[in-house]
PDB file of N, CA and C in Angstrom:
ATOM      1  N   MET A   1     115.065 167.115 181.175  1.00  0.00           N
ATOM      2  CA  MET A   1     113.842 167.212 180.420  1.00  0.00           C
ATOM      3  C   MET A   1     112.901 166.062 180.768  1.00  0.00           C
ATOM      4  N   ASP A   2     113.479 164.926 181.165  1.00  0.00           N
ATOM      5  CA  ASP A   2     112.663 163.772 181.541  1.00  0.00           C
ATOM      6  C   ASP A   2     111.816 164.046 182.780  1.00  0.00           C
ATOM      7  N   GLU A   3     112.180 165.073 183.549  1.00  0.00           N
ATOM      8  CA  GLU A   3     111.462 165.392 184.785  1.00  0.00           C
ATOM      9  C   GLU A   3     110.306 166.361 184.568  1.00  0.00           C
ATOM     10  N   GLY A   4     110.038 166.736 183.327  1.00  0.00           N
ATOM     11  CA  GLY A   4     108.884 167.571 183.056  1.00  0.00           C
ATOM     12  C   GLY A   4     109.187 168.998 182.640  1.00  0.00           C
ATOM     13  N   PHE A   5     110.458 169.343 182.472  1.00  0.00           N
ATOM     14  CA  PHE A   5     110.796 170.685 182.013  1.00  0.00           C
ATOM     15  C   PHE A   5     110.533 170.797 180.520  1.00  0.00           C
ATOM     16  N   ASP A   6     110.135 171.978 180.096  1.00  0.00           N
ATOM     17  CA  ASP A   6     109.882 172.207 178.681  1.00  0.00           C
ATOM     18  C   ASP A   6     111.135 172.636 177.930  1.00  0.00           C
ATOM     19  N   SER A   7     112.067 173.262 178.647  1.00  0.00           N
ATOM     20  CA  SER A   7     113.292 173.742 178.018  1.00  0.00           C
ATOM     21  C   SER A   7     114.313 174.040 179.099  1.00  0.00           C
ATOM     22  N   PHE A   8     115.530 174.324 178.668  1.00  0.00           N
ATOM     23  CA  PHE A   8     116.606 174.643 179.595  1.00  0.00           C
ATOM     24  C   PHE A   8     117.505 175.683 178.945  1.00  0.00           C
ATOM     25  N   ILE A   9     117.864 176.699 179.715  1.00  0.00           N
ATOM     26  CA  ILE A   9     118.781 177.731 179.240  1.00  0.00           C
ATOM     27  C   ILE A   9     119.953 177.745 180.202  1.00  0.00           C
ATOM     28  N   ASP A  10     121.138 177.430 179.685  1.00  0.00           N
ATOM     29  CA  ASP A  10     122.316 177.383 180.555  1.00  0.00           C
ATOM     30  C   ASP A  10     123.087 178.694 180.500  1.00  0.00           C
ATOM     31  N   LYS A  11     124.003 178.841 181.460  1.00  0.00           N
ATOM     32  CA  LYS A  11     124.876 180.015 181.500  1.00  0.00           C
ATOM     33  C   LYS A  11     126.061 179.769 180.590  1.00  0.00           C
ATOM     34  N   PRO A  12     126.652 180.769 180.048  1.00  0.00           N
ATOM     35  CA  PRO A  12     126.218 182.161 180.096  1.00  0.00           C
ATOM     36  C   PRO A  12     124.959 182.350 179.252  1.00  0.00           C
ATOM     37  N   PHE A  13     124.041 183.164 179.761  1.00  0.00           N
ATOM     38  CA  PHE A  13     122.793 183.398 179.067  1.00  0.00           C
ATOM     39  C   PHE A  13     123.037 184.191 177.786  1.00  0.00           C
ATOM     40  N   HIS A  14     122.341 183.811 176.766  1.00  0.00           N
ATOM     41  CA  HIS A  14     122.372 184.546 175.502  1.00  0.00           C
ATOM     42  C   HIS A  14     120.935 184.945 175.192  1.00  0.00           C
ATOM     43  N   ILE A  15     120.736 186.215 174.963  1.00  0.00           N
ATOM     44  CA  ILE A  15     119.398 186.756 174.785  1.00  0.00           C
ATOM     45  C   ILE A  15     118.671 186.080 173.628  1.00  0.00           C
ATOM     46  N   GLU A  16     119.408 185.692 172.589  1.00  0.00           N
ATOM     47  CA  GLU A  16     118.776 185.029 171.453  1.00  0.00           C
ATOM     48  C   GLU A  16     118.139 183.708 171.885  1.00  0.00           C
ATOM     49  N   ARG A  17     118.812 182.983 172.768  1.00  0.00           N
ATOM     50  CA  ARG A  17     118.292 181.700 173.261  1.00  0.00           C
ATOM     51  C   ARG A  17     117.037 181.927 174.117  1.00  0.00           C
ATOM     52  N   ILE A  18     117.053 182.955 174.921  1.00  0.00           N
ATOM     53  CA  ILE A  18     115.884 183.264 175.757  1.00  0.00           C
ATOM     54  C   ILE A  18     114.684 183.597 174.874  1.00  0.00           C
ATOM     55  N   TYR A  19     114.887 184.463 173.870  1.00  0.00           N
ATOM     56  CA  TYR A  19     113.791 184.812 172.966  1.00  0.00           C
ATOM     57  C   TYR A  19     113.297 183.590 172.194  1.00  0.00           C
ATOM     58  N   SER A  20     114.207 182.748 171.795  1.00  0.00           N
ATOM     59  CA  SER A  20     113.844 181.538 171.069  1.00  0.00           C
ATOM     60  C   SER A  20     112.965 180.634 171.926  1.00  0.00           C
ATOM     61  N   CYS A  21     113.324 180.458 173.193  1.00  0.00           N
ATOM     62  CA  CYS A  21     112.513 179.638 174.102  1.00  0.00           C
ATOM     63  C   CYS A  21     111.136 180.255 174.322  1.00  0.00           C
ATOM     64  N   LEU A  22     111.091 181.565 174.517  1.00  0.00           N
ATOM     65  CA  LEU A  22     109.799 182.234 174.698  1.00  0.00           C
ATOM     66  C   LEU A  22     108.920 182.071 173.462  1.00  0.00           C
ATOM     67  N   ASN A  23     109.533 182.199 172.304  1.00  0.00           N
ATOM     68  CA  ASN A  23     108.790 182.016 171.066  1.00  0.00           C
ATOM     69  C   ASN A  23     108.262 180.593 170.958  1.00  0.00           C
ATOM     70  N   GLU A  24     109.105 179.637 171.233  1.00  0.00           N
ATOM     71  CA  GLU A  24     108.735 178.223 171.130  1.00  0.00           C
ATOM     72  C   GLU A  24     107.651 177.844 172.147  1.00  0.00           C
ATOM     73  N   LEU A  25     107.809 178.282 173.381  1.00  0.00           N
ATOM     74  CA  LEU A  25     106.903 177.852 174.455  1.00  0.00           C
ATOM     75  C   LEU A  25     105.616 178.660 174.533  1.00  0.00           C
ATOM     76  N   LEU A  26     105.697 179.946 174.201  1.00  0.00           N
ATOM     77  CA  LEU A  26     104.523 180.811 174.346  1.00  0.00           C
ATOM     78  C   LEU A  26     103.911 181.235 173.015  1.00  0.00           C
ATOM     79  N   GLY A  27     104.639 180.990 171.945  1.00  0.00           N
ATOM     80  CA  GLY A  27     104.126 181.389 170.641  1.00  0.00           C
ATOM     81  C   GLY A  27     104.172 182.883 170.398  1.00  0.00           C
ATOM     82  N   VAL A  28     104.987 183.599 171.154  1.00  0.00           N
ATOM     83  CA  VAL A  28     105.082 185.047 170.962  1.00  0.00           C
ATOM     84  C   VAL A  28     106.160 185.363 169.925  1.00  0.00           C
ATOM     85  N   GLU A  29     106.002 186.488 169.274  1.00  0.00           N
ATOM     86  CA  GLU A  29     107.004 186.948 168.319  1.00  0.00           C
ATOM     87  C   GLU A  29     107.544 188.284 168.788  1.00  0.00           C
ATOM     88  N   PHE A  30     108.794 188.536 168.502  1.00  0.00           N
ATOM     89  CA  PHE A  30     109.461 189.752 168.948  1.00  0.00           C
ATOM     90  C   PHE A  30     109.884 190.574 167.751  1.00  0.00           C
ATOM     91  N   GLU A  31     109.779 191.892 167.913  1.00  0.00           N
ATOM     92  CA  GLU A  31     110.300 192.827 166.919  1.00  0.00           C
ATOM     93  C   GLU A  31     111.585 193.406 167.474  1.00  0.00           C
ATOM     94  N   PHE A  32     112.616 193.405 166.676  1.00  0.00           N
ATOM     95  CA  PHE A  32     113.912 193.906 167.126  1.00  0.00           C
ATOM     96  C   PHE A  32     114.252 195.179 166.371  1.00  0.00           C
ATOM     97  N   ARG A  33     114.760 196.154 167.113  1.00  0.00           N
ATOM     98  CA  ARG A  33     115.195 197.417 166.539  1.00  0.00           C
ATOM     99  C   ARG A  33     116.540 197.783 167.154  1.00  0.00           C
ATOM    100  N   GLU A  34     117.230 198.646 166.485  1.00  0.00           N
ATOM    101  CA  GLU A  34     118.473 199.178 167.037  1.00  0.00           C
ATOM    102  C   GLU A  34     118.127 200.078 168.215  1.00  0.00           C
ATOM    103  N   ALA A  35     118.882 199.948 169.284  1.00  0.00           N
ATOM    104  CA  ALA A  35     118.679 200.836 170.427  1.00  0.00           C
ATOM    105  C   ALA A  35     119.181 202.224 170.057  1.00  0.00           C
ATOM    106  N   PRO A  36     118.464 203.260 170.482  1.00  0.00           N
ATOM    107  CA  PRO A  36     118.934 204.615 170.180  1.00  0.00           C
ATOM    108  C   PRO A  36     120.261 204.884 170.889  1.00  0.00           C
ATOM    109  N   ALA A  37     121.116 205.636 170.223  1.00  0.00           N
ATOM    110  CA  ALA A  37     122.397 205.999 170.833  1.00  0.00           C
ATOM    111  C   ALA A  37     122.132 206.842 172.072  1.00  0.00           C
ATOM    112  N   SER A  38     122.930 206.631 173.080  1.00  0.00           N
ATOM    113  CA  SER A  38     122.718 207.340 174.336  1.00  0.00           C
ATOM    114  C   SER A  38     124.021 207.972 174.791  1.00  0.00           C
ATOM    115  N   ASP A  39     123.935 209.237 175.177  1.00  0.00           N
ATOM    116  CA  ASP A  39     125.113 209.912 175.707  1.00  0.00           C
ATOM    117  C   ASP A  39     125.513 209.343 177.051  1.00  0.00           C
ATOM    118  N   THR A  40     124.579 208.724 177.744  1.00  0.00           N
ATOM    119  CA  THR A  40     124.858 208.212 179.078  1.00  0.00           C
ATOM    120  C   THR A  40     125.295 206.746 179.053  1.00  0.00           C
ATOM    121  N   GLU A  41     125.347 206.140 177.861  1.00  0.00           N
ATOM    122  CA  GLU A  41     125.739 204.741 177.763  1.00  0.00           C
ATOM    123  C   GLU A  41     127.160 204.561 178.295  1.00  0.00           C
ATOM    124  N   LYS A  42     127.331 203.592 179.169  1.00  0.00           N
ATOM    125  CA  LYS A  42     128.626 203.382 179.800  1.00  0.00           C
ATOM    126  C   LYS A  42     129.491 202.469 178.954  1.00  0.00           C
ATOM    127  N   VAL A  43     130.692 202.915 178.693  1.00  0.00           N
ATOM    128  CA  VAL A  43     131.664 202.136 177.958  1.00  0.00           C
ATOM    129  C   VAL A  43     132.839 201.899 178.886  1.00  0.00           C
ATOM    130  N   TYR A  44     133.345 200.681 178.911  1.00  0.00           N
ATOM    131  CA  TYR A  44     134.459 200.360 179.789  1.00  0.00           C
ATOM    132  C   TYR A  44     135.701 201.121 179.346  1.00  0.00           C
ATOM    133  N   ASP A  45     136.328 201.792 180.290  1.00  0.00           N
ATOM    134  CA  ASP A  45     137.540 202.568 180.038  1.00  0.00           C
ATOM    135  C   ASP A  45     138.672 201.986 180.875  1.00  0.00           C
ATOM    136  N   PRO A  46     139.631 201.281 180.234  1.00  0.00           N
ATOM    137  CA  PRO A  46     140.719 200.666 180.994  1.00  0.00           C
ATOM    138  C   PRO A  46     141.548 201.664 181.795  1.00  0.00           C
ATOM    139  N   SER A  47     141.503 202.933 181.428  1.00  0.00           N
ATOM    140  CA  SER A  47     142.276 203.929 182.174  1.00  0.00           C
ATOM    141  C   SER A  47     141.704 204.156 183.571  1.00  0.00           C
ATOM    142  N   LEU A  48     140.496 203.667 183.829  1.00  0.00           N
ATOM    143  CA  LEU A  48     139.887 203.832 185.143  1.00  0.00           C
ATOM    144  C   LEU A  48     140.359 202.792 186.159  1.00  0.00           C
ATOM    145  N   VAL A  49     141.152 201.825 185.718  1.00  0.00           N
ATOM    146  CA  VAL A  49     141.673 200.814 186.631  1.00  0.00           C
ATOM    147  C   VAL A  49     142.586 201.504 187.637  1.00  0.00           C
ATOM    148  N   PRO A  50     142.378 201.250 188.923  1.00  0.00           N
ATOM    149  CA  PRO A  50     143.245 201.882 189.931  1.00  0.00           C
ATOM    150  C   PRO A  50     144.685 201.399 189.782  1.00  0.00           C
ATOM    151  N   ASN A  51     145.618 202.180 190.315  1.00  0.00           N
ATOM    152  CA  ASN A  51     147.029 201.799 190.266  1.00  0.00           C
ATOM    153  C   ASN A  51     147.233 200.547 191.121  1.00  0.00           C
ATOM    154  N   LEU A  52     147.613 199.474 190.476  1.00  0.00           N
ATOM    155  CA  LEU A  52     147.794 198.198 191.161  1.00  0.00           C
ATOM    156  C   LEU A  52     149.204 197.664 190.978  1.00  0.00           C
ATOM    157  N   ASP A  53     150.159 198.572 190.720  1.00  0.00           N
ATOM    158  CA  ASP A  53     151.545 198.155 190.533  1.00  0.00           C
ATOM    159  C   ASP A  53     152.025 197.380 191.742  1.00  0.00           C
ATOM    160  N   GLY A  54     152.571 196.223 191.492  1.00  0.00           N
ATOM    161  CA  GLY A  54     153.114 195.399 192.557  1.00  0.00           C
ATOM    162  C   GLY A  54     152.131 194.400 193.130  1.00  0.00           C
ATOM    163  N   LEU A  55     150.868 194.482 192.739  1.00  0.00           N
ATOM    164  CA  LEU A  55     149.872 193.552 193.264  1.00  0.00           C
ATOM    165  C   LEU A  55     150.017 192.204 192.576  1.00  0.00           C
ATOM    166  N   ILE A  56     150.141 191.176 193.376  1.00  0.00           N
ATOM    167  CA  ILE A  56     150.204 189.806 192.878  1.00  0.00           C
ATOM    168  C   ILE A  56     149.054 189.049 193.540  1.00  0.00           C
ATOM    169  N   LEU A  57     148.182 188.494 192.720  1.00  0.00           N
ATOM    170  CA  LEU A  57     147.014 187.796 193.248  1.00  0.00           C
ATOM    171  C   LEU A  57     147.356 186.378 193.693  1.00  0.00           C
ATOM    172  N   PRO A  58     146.776 185.946 194.806  1.00  0.00           N
ATOM    173  CA  PRO A  58     146.905 184.542 195.182  1.00  0.00           C
ATOM    174  C   PRO A  58     146.286 183.662 194.094  1.00  0.00           C
ATOM    175  N   GLN A  59     146.920 182.535 193.822  1.00  0.00           N
ATOM    176  CA  GLN A  59     146.489 181.632 192.753  1.00  0.00           C
ATOM    177  C   GLN A  59     145.010 181.266 192.864  1.00  0.00           C
ATOM    178  N   GLU A  60     144.562 180.922 194.070  1.00  0.00           N
ATOM    179  CA  GLU A  60     143.179 180.465 194.252  1.00  0.00           C
ATOM    180  C   GLU A  60     142.172 181.572 193.932  1.00  0.00           C
ATOM    181  N   ILE A  61     142.452 182.786 194.378  1.00  0.00           N
ATOM    182  CA  ILE A  61     141.537 183.906 194.103  1.00  0.00           C
ATOM    183  C   ILE A  61     141.563 184.251 192.624  1.00  0.00           C
ATOM    184  N   HIS A  62     142.750 184.282 192.040  1.00  0.00           N
ATOM    185  CA  HIS A  62     142.884 184.562 190.607  1.00  0.00           C
ATOM    186  C   HIS A  62     142.062 183.567 189.793  1.00  0.00           C
ATOM    187  N   ALA A  63     142.240 182.283 190.070  1.00  0.00           N
ATOM    188  CA  ALA A  63     141.518 181.242 189.334  1.00  0.00           C
ATOM    189  C   ALA A  63     140.005 181.387 189.540  1.00  0.00           C
ATOM    190  N   GLY A  64     139.588 181.710 190.761  1.00  0.00           N
ATOM    191  CA  GLY A  64     138.173 181.877 191.046  1.00  0.00           C
ATOM    192  C   GLY A  64     137.564 183.055 190.316  1.00  0.00           C
ATOM    193  N   LEU A  65     138.303 184.168 190.244  1.00  0.00           N
ATOM    194  CA  LEU A  65     137.800 185.346 189.532  1.00  0.00           C
ATOM    195  C   LEU A  65     137.707 185.089 188.035  1.00  0.00           C
ATOM    196  N   VAL A  66     138.709 184.415 187.478  1.00  0.00           N
ATOM    197  CA  VAL A  66     138.682 184.090 186.051  1.00  0.00           C
ATOM    198  C   VAL A  66     137.498 183.166 185.756  1.00  0.00           C
ATOM    199  N   TYR A  67     137.308 182.166 186.601  1.00  0.00           N
ATOM    200  CA  TYR A  67     136.189 181.232 186.429  1.00  0.00           C
ATOM    201  C   TYR A  67     134.846 181.978 186.494  1.00  0.00           C
ATOM    202  N   ALA A  68     134.699 182.833 187.495  1.00  0.00           N
ATOM    203  CA  ALA A  68     133.454 183.581 187.660  1.00  0.00           C
ATOM    204  C   ALA A  68     133.164 184.434 186.428  1.00  0.00           C
ATOM    205  N   ALA A  69     134.201 185.083 185.898  1.00  0.00           N
ATOM    206  CA  ALA A  69     134.014 185.924 184.712  1.00  0.00           C
ATOM    207  C   ALA A  69     133.615 185.091 183.506  1.00  0.00           C
ATOM    208  N   HIS A  70     134.282 183.959 183.303  1.00  0.00           N
ATOM    209  CA  HIS A  70     133.968 183.117 182.147  1.00  0.00           C
ATOM    210  C   HIS A  70     132.587 182.473 182.252  1.00  0.00           C
ATOM    211  N   MET A  71     132.159 182.180 183.465  1.00  0.00           N
ATOM    212  CA  MET A  71     130.853 181.551 183.668  1.00  0.00           C
ATOM    213  C   MET A  71     129.737 182.577 183.853  1.00  0.00           C
ATOM    214  N   HIS A  72     130.116 183.859 183.862  1.00  0.00           N
ATOM    215  CA  HIS A  72     129.145 184.944 184.076  1.00  0.00           C
ATOM    216  C   HIS A  72     128.399 184.747 185.395  1.00  0.00           C
ATOM    217  N   SER A  73     129.141 184.327 186.410  1.00  0.00           N
ATOM    218  CA  SER A  73     128.545 184.049 187.715  1.00  0.00           C
ATOM    219  C   SER A  73     128.798 185.204 188.676  1.00  0.00           C
ATOM    220  N   VAL A  74     127.774 186.008 188.896  1.00  0.00           N
ATOM    221  CA  VAL A  74     127.877 187.122 189.834  1.00  0.00           C
ATOM    222  C   VAL A  74     128.074 186.597 191.254  1.00  0.00           C
ATOM    223  N   THR A  75     127.450 185.473 191.572  1.00  0.00           N
ATOM    224  CA  THR A  75     127.584 184.877 192.899  1.00  0.00           C
ATOM    225  C   THR A  75     129.027 184.481 193.178  1.00  0.00           C
ATOM    226  N   GLN A  76     129.655 183.792 192.238  1.00  0.00           N
ATOM    227  CA  GLN A  76     131.051 183.397 192.409  1.00  0.00           C
ATOM    228  C   GLN A  76     131.964 184.619 192.428  1.00  0.00           C
ATOM    229  N   LEU A  77     131.675 185.597 191.596  1.00  0.00           N
ATOM    230  CA  LEU A  77     132.467 186.823 191.582  1.00  0.00           C
ATOM    231  C   LEU A  77     132.447 187.475 192.960  1.00  0.00           C
ATOM    232  N   GLN A  78     131.270 187.615 193.543  1.00  0.00           N
ATOM    233  CA  GLN A  78     131.151 188.266 194.846  1.00  0.00           C
ATOM    234  C   GLN A  78     131.911 187.492 195.922  1.00  0.00           C
ATOM    235  N   LYS A  79     131.845 186.188 195.871  1.00  0.00           N
ATOM    236  CA  LYS A  79     132.560 185.351 196.847  1.00  0.00           C
ATOM    237  C   LYS A  79     134.061 185.656 196.812  1.00  0.00           C
ATOM    238  N   HIS A  80     134.619 185.709 195.630  1.00  0.00           N
ATOM    239  CA  HIS A  80     136.060 185.952 195.507  1.00  0.00           C
ATOM    240  C   HIS A  80     136.430 187.411 195.775  1.00  0.00           C
ATOM    241  N   LEU A  81     135.526 188.332 195.492  1.00  0.00           N
ATOM    242  CA  LEU A  81     135.777 189.734 195.840  1.00  0.00           C
ATOM    243  C   LEU A  81     135.819 189.898 197.356  1.00  0.00           C
ATOM    244  N   ASP A  82     134.938 189.194 198.061  1.00  0.00           N
ATOM    245  CA  ASP A  82     134.949 189.237 199.529  1.00  0.00           C
ATOM    246  C   ASP A  82     136.280 188.720 200.071  1.00  0.00           C
ATOM    247  N   GLU A  83     136.798 187.653 199.473  1.00  0.00           N
ATOM    248  CA  GLU A  83     138.093 187.097 199.882  1.00  0.00           C
ATOM    249  C   GLU A  83     139.220 188.089 199.587  1.00  0.00           C
ATOM    250  N   LEU A  84     139.130 188.770 198.466  1.00  0.00           N
ATOM    251  CA  LEU A  84     140.152 189.716 198.035  1.00  0.00           C
ATOM    252  C   LEU A  84     140.202 190.943 198.934  1.00  0.00           C
ATOM    253  N   GLU A  85     139.050 191.442 199.344  1.00  0.00           N
ATOM    254  CA  GLU A  85     138.971 192.683 200.129  1.00  0.00           C
ATOM    255  C   GLU A  85     139.735 192.631 201.443  1.00  0.00           C
ATOM    256  N   VAL A  86     139.833 191.480 202.052  1.00  0.00           N
ATOM    257  CA  VAL A  86     140.471 191.383 203.373  1.00  0.00           C
ATOM    258  C   VAL A  86     141.988 191.265 203.294  1.00  0.00           C
ATOM    259  N   LEU A  87     142.549 191.232 202.091  1.00  0.00           N
ATOM    260  CA  LEU A  87     143.989 190.999 201.945  1.00  0.00           C
ATOM    261  C   LEU A  87     144.837 192.262 202.049  1.00  0.00           C
ATOM    262  N   GLY A  88     144.259 193.431 201.849  1.00  0.00           N
ATOM    263  CA  GLY A  88     145.045 194.661 201.934  1.00  0.00           C
ATOM    264  C   GLY A  88     144.423 195.799 201.147  1.00  0.00           C
ATOM    265  N   ASP A  89     145.108 196.954 201.164  1.00  0.00           N
ATOM    266  CA  ASP A  89     144.581 198.159 200.537  1.00  0.00           C
ATOM    267  C   ASP A  89     144.474 198.034 199.020  1.00  0.00           C
ATOM    268  N   MET A  90     145.538 197.567 198.363  1.00  0.00           N
ATOM    269  CA  MET A  90     145.486 197.432 196.903  1.00  0.00           C
ATOM    270  C   MET A  90     144.440 196.409 196.492  1.00  0.00           C
ATOM    271  N   GLU A  91     144.345 195.344 197.256  1.00  0.00           N
ATOM    272  CA  GLU A  91     143.350 194.323 196.958  1.00  0.00           C
ATOM    273  C   GLU A  91     141.932 194.881 197.107  1.00  0.00           C
ATOM    274  N   ARG A  92     141.738 195.743 198.110  1.00  0.00           N
ATOM    275  CA  ARG A  92     140.434 196.389 198.298  1.00  0.00           C
ATOM    276  C   ARG A  92     140.096 197.293 197.105  1.00  0.00           C
ATOM    277  N   ARG A  93     141.104 198.025 196.610  1.00  0.00           N
ATOM    278  CA  ARG A  93     140.871 198.890 195.440  1.00  0.00           C
ATOM    279  C   ARG A  93     140.511 198.056 194.216  1.00  0.00           C
ATOM    280  N   LEU A  94     141.226 196.948 194.027  1.00  0.00           N
ATOM    281  CA  LEU A  94     140.906 196.065 192.908  1.00  0.00           C
ATOM    282  C   LEU A  94     139.497 195.499 193.071  1.00  0.00           C
ATOM    283  N   ALA A  95     139.161 195.044 194.274  1.00  0.00           N
ATOM    284  CA  ALA A  95     137.830 194.479 194.524  1.00  0.00           C
ATOM    285  C   ALA A  95     136.743 195.511 194.235  1.00  0.00           C
ATOM    286  N   ALA A  96     136.957 196.755 194.640  1.00  0.00           N
ATOM    287  CA  ALA A  96     135.969 197.811 194.391  1.00  0.00           C
ATOM    288  C   ALA A  96     135.800 198.038 192.890  1.00  0.00           C
ATOM    289  N   HIS A  97     136.906 198.035 192.167  1.00  0.00           N
ATOM    290  CA  HIS A  97     136.840 198.236 190.721  1.00  0.00           C
ATOM    291  C   HIS A  97     136.107 197.066 190.054  1.00  0.00           C
ATOM    292  N   LEU A  98     136.449 195.847 190.450  1.00  0.00           N
ATOM    293  CA  LEU A  98     135.788 194.680 189.875  1.00  0.00           C
ATOM    294  C   LEU A  98     134.308 194.643 190.260  1.00  0.00           C
ATOM    295  N   GLN A  99     133.995 195.103 191.466  1.00  0.00           N
ATOM    296  CA  GLN A  99     132.598 195.181 191.904  1.00  0.00           C
ATOM    297  C   GLN A  99     131.817 196.126 190.993  1.00  0.00           C
ATOM    298  N   HIS A 100     132.429 197.260 190.675  1.00  0.00           N
ATOM    299  CA  HIS A 100     131.793 198.225 189.767  1.00  0.00           C
ATOM    300  C   HIS A 100     131.522 197.581 188.408  1.00  0.00           C
ATOM    301  N   LEU A 101     132.518 196.866 187.877  1.00  0.00           N
ATOM    302  CA  LEU A 101     132.335 196.192 186.595  1.00  0.00           C
ATOM    303  C   LEU A 101     131.260 195.109 186.697  1.00  0.00           C
ATOM    304  N   GLY A 102     131.225 194.433 187.849  1.00  0.00           N
ATOM    305  CA  GLY A 102     130.215 193.401 188.065  1.00  0.00           C
ATOM    306  C   GLY A 102     128.816 193.978 188.102  1.00  0.00           C
ATOM    307  N   CYS A 103     128.674 195.157 188.683  1.00  0.00           N
ATOM    308  CA  CYS A 103     127.361 195.816 188.718  1.00  0.00           C
ATOM    309  C   CYS A 103     126.888 196.162 187.310  1.00  0.00           C
ATOM    310  N   GLU A 104     127.823 196.414 186.423  1.00  0.00           N
ATOM    311  CA  GLU A 104     127.485 196.681 185.020  1.00  0.00           C
ATOM    312  C   GLU A 104     127.408 195.381 184.225  1.00  0.00           C
ATOM    313  N   TYR A 105     127.645 194.267 184.899  1.00  0.00           N
ATOM    314  CA  TYR A 105     127.669 192.929 184.305  1.00  0.00           C
ATOM    315  C   TYR A 105     128.660 192.865 183.146  1.00  0.00           C
ATOM    316  N   ASN A 106     129.806 193.526 183.329  1.00  0.00           N
ATOM    317  CA  ASN A 106     130.845 193.539 182.305  1.00  0.00           C
ATOM    318  C   ASN A 106     131.859 192.439 182.619  1.00  0.00           C
ATOM    319  N   MET A 107     131.419 191.204 182.464  1.00  0.00           N
ATOM    320  CA  MET A 107     132.265 190.057 182.793  1.00  0.00           C
ATOM    321  C   MET A 107     133.463 189.938 181.853  1.00  0.00           C
ATOM    322  N   GLN A 108     133.310 190.407 180.638  1.00  0.00           N
ATOM    323  CA  GLN A 108     134.435 190.357 179.703  1.00  0.00           C
ATOM    324  C   GLN A 108     135.580 191.232 180.212  1.00  0.00           C
ATOM    325  N   ALA A 109     135.281 192.440 180.652  1.00  0.00           N
ATOM    326  CA  ALA A 109     136.318 193.332 181.169  1.00  0.00           C
ATOM    327  C   ALA A 109     136.949 192.750 182.435  1.00  0.00           C
ATOM    328  N   ILE A 110     136.143 192.142 183.290  1.00  0.00           N
ATOM    329  CA  ILE A 110     136.669 191.527 184.514  1.00  0.00           C
ATOM    330  C   ILE A 110     137.642 190.420 184.141  1.00  0.00           C
ATOM    331  N   GLY A 111     137.229 189.551 183.228  1.00  0.00           N
ATOM    332  CA  GLY A 111     138.095 188.452 182.805  1.00  0.00           C
ATOM    333  C   GLY A 111     139.399 188.935 182.218  1.00  0.00           C
ATOM    334  N   GLU A 112     139.335 189.928 181.336  1.00  0.00           N
ATOM    335  CA  GLU A 112     140.548 190.448 180.697  1.00  0.00           C
ATOM    336  C   GLU A 112     141.488 191.067 181.716  1.00  0.00           C
ATOM    337  N   LEU A 113     140.939 191.837 182.636  1.00  0.00           N
ATOM    338  CA  LEU A 113     141.763 192.498 183.648  1.00  0.00           C
ATOM    339  C   LEU A 113     142.432 191.477 184.554  1.00  0.00           C
ATOM    340  N   VAL A 114     141.662 190.540 185.059  1.00  0.00           N
ATOM    341  CA  VAL A 114     142.199 189.553 185.998  1.00  0.00           C
ATOM    342  C   VAL A 114     143.204 188.626 185.324  1.00  0.00           C
ATOM    343  N   GLU A 115     142.898 188.196 184.113  1.00  0.00           N
ATOM    344  CA  GLU A 115     143.811 187.298 183.413  1.00  0.00           C
ATOM    345  C   GLU A 115     145.172 187.935 183.157  1.00  0.00           C
ATOM    346  N   ALA A 116     145.203 189.251 183.033  1.00  0.00           N
ATOM    347  CA  ALA A 116     146.467 189.956 182.773  1.00  0.00           C
ATOM    348  C   ALA A 116     147.286 190.199 184.039  1.00  0.00           C
ATOM    349  N   MET A 117     146.723 189.910 185.207  1.00  0.00           N
ATOM    350  CA  MET A 117     147.413 190.184 186.467  1.00  0.00           C
ATOM    351  C   MET A 117     148.375 189.063 186.841  1.00  0.00           C
ATOM    352  N   PRO A 118     149.496 189.427 187.479  1.00  0.00           N
ATOM    353  CA  PRO A 118     150.441 188.389 187.918  1.00  0.00           C
ATOM    354  C   PRO A 118     149.857 187.577 189.083  1.00  0.00           C
ATOM    355  N   VAL A 119     150.303 186.321 189.155  1.00  0.00           N
ATOM    356  CA  VAL A 119     149.793 185.380 190.140  1.00  0.00           C
ATOM    357  C   VAL A 119     150.958 184.830 190.969  1.00  0.00           C
ATOM    358  N   GLU A 120     150.674 184.574 192.262  1.00  0.00           N
ATOM    359  CA  GLU A 120     151.688 183.979 193.152  1.00  0.00           C
ATOM    360  C   GLU A 120     152.046 182.601 192.673  1.00  0.00           C
TER     361      GLU A 120
END
């Protein structure tokens, strides 16, 4: 802040903090309403996880994926998915599934799935 910034929003981003900063800095006010229910709204379904029986993640990749999920870092997630893809067929299937979740920005599901996996 000493360098001239008016505010700072750290990760993981929380929409309430963003709106608060906009209100404070720009003087704008927001009206909030419930979003209409949508038949097309995507809900995470754990049954869609590919069969990964026998897959054991390398410690470094496992730790990196967990970190990326907790920090909501798409960049870090992609880095570790790239590392995972070259390890074999099951790893590629897992990477594709995690990539799909990442595209939906479902970091909670990624974290839960990865944390439950066995590690070398």
